[in-house]
Protein backbone atom coordinates (compact mmCIF):
# COMPACT_ATOMS: atom_id res chain seq x y z
CA MET A 1 45.24 -21.54 -2.04
CA HIS A 2 43.89 -24.68 -4.36
CA SER A 3 42.11 -24.24 -7.31
CA THR A 4 39.31 -26.40 -6.27
CA MET A 5 38.67 -23.75 -3.09
CA ILE A 6 38.48 -21.15 -5.86
CA GLY A 7 35.52 -22.66 -7.45
CA LYS A 8 33.84 -23.33 -3.77
CA ILE A 9 34.18 -19.59 -3.29
CA GLU A 10 32.82 -18.66 -6.79
CA LYS A 11 29.81 -20.97 -6.53
CA ALA A 12 29.16 -19.74 -2.42
CA ARG A 13 29.14 -16.31 -3.96
CA ARG A 14 26.61 -17.52 -6.59
CA TYR A 15 24.30 -19.11 -4.17
CA ALA A 16 24.57 -15.94 -1.99
CA GLU A 17 23.31 -13.58 -4.86
CA GLU A 18 20.21 -15.97 -5.59
CA PRO A 19 18.18 -15.67 -2.44
CA GLN A 20 15.42 -18.04 -4.35
CA ARG A 21 17.82 -21.10 -3.63
CA PHE A 22 17.32 -20.75 0.75
CA ALA A 23 13.84 -21.16 2.27
CA PHE A 24 13.95 -21.57 5.97
CA ASP A 25 12.15 -24.17 7.69
CA GLN A 26 13.06 -22.79 11.19
CA PHE A 27 15.41 -20.85 13.08
CA ARG A 28 15.75 -18.48 16.53
CA VAL A 29 17.44 -15.19 16.05
CA HIS A 30 18.43 -12.66 19.06
CA LEU A 31 17.39 -9.12 17.99
CA GLU A 32 18.93 -5.93 19.88
CA GLY A 33 15.79 -4.04 20.34
CA ASP A 34 15.38 -0.70 21.13
CA HIS A 35 14.62 -1.10 24.75
CA ARG A 36 15.77 -4.88 25.47
CA HIS A 37 16.96 -7.95 23.41
CA HIS A 38 14.07 -10.19 21.88
CA VAL A 39 14.16 -13.85 20.79
CA VAL A 40 12.21 -14.15 17.69
CA GLU A 41 11.65 -17.73 16.27
CA TYR A 42 10.17 -19.01 12.97
CA GLU A 43 8.84 -22.82 12.49
CA LEU A 44 6.85 -24.07 9.49
CA GLY A 45 5.46 -20.82 8.19
CA ALA A 46 4.64 -19.53 12.08
CA TRP A 47 6.29 -16.85 14.05
CA ASP A 48 6.93 -16.15 17.63
CA CYS A 49 8.70 -13.55 19.82
CA ASP A 50 9.17 -12.62 23.42
CA CYS A 51 7.65 -9.43 23.38
CA GLU A 52 4.22 -8.00 24.61
CA THR A 53 3.23 -6.92 21.33
CA PHE A 54 3.47 -10.22 19.81
CA ALA A 55 1.79 -11.72 22.55
CA HIS A 56 -1.13 -9.46 22.29
CA ASN A 57 -1.17 -9.26 18.54
CA GLY A 58 0.68 -12.23 16.77
CA TYR A 59 2.83 -10.36 15.41
CA CYS A 60 4.99 -7.15 16.16
CA PRO A 61 8.16 -4.91 14.97
CA HIS A 62 10.64 -7.70 15.28
CA THR A 63 8.74 -10.42 13.42
CA MET A 64 8.30 -7.83 10.76
CA ALA A 65 11.43 -6.77 10.43
CA MET A 66 12.60 -10.58 9.90
CA GLU A 67 10.21 -10.98 7.32
CA ARG A 68 11.81 -7.60 5.78
CA VAL A 69 15.34 -9.14 5.70
CA LEU A 70 14.79 -12.28 4.76
CA GLY A 71 12.02 -11.70 1.87
CA ASP A 72 11.15 -14.37 -0.65
CA MET A 73 13.67 -16.60 1.42
CA LEU A 74 10.53 -17.68 3.85
CA ALA A 75 8.72 -20.52 1.98
CA PRO A 76 4.86 -20.13 2.26
CA ILE A 77 3.42 -23.28 3.62
CA THR A 78 -0.01 -24.86 2.67
CA ALA A 79 -2.48 -25.41 5.47
CA GLU A 80 -3.85 -28.56 4.17
CA THR A 81 -0.31 -30.45 4.33
CA GLY A 82 1.72 -28.08 6.19
CA GLU A 83 4.26 -28.79 3.47
CA ARG A 84 6.30 -26.08 1.47
CA ALA A 85 4.08 -24.99 -1.68
């Protein structure tokens, strides 16, 4: 393995250990629930899920699980500008 690649692998490891470096703007996740698969989406601070609970309440176990998994990697969005805080 080239020495430059070893340095890149070490850098990747360091990045992975510092989750504050990451901030998601948008993504789509397929989550396997207890009864069926769900599509969970996140865009600019807003969640969406295809389950009935989310449609009625604006939150659900699927979006809450994603919040727990991602933690601080979800950057808060300011209401005034729609930009990252």
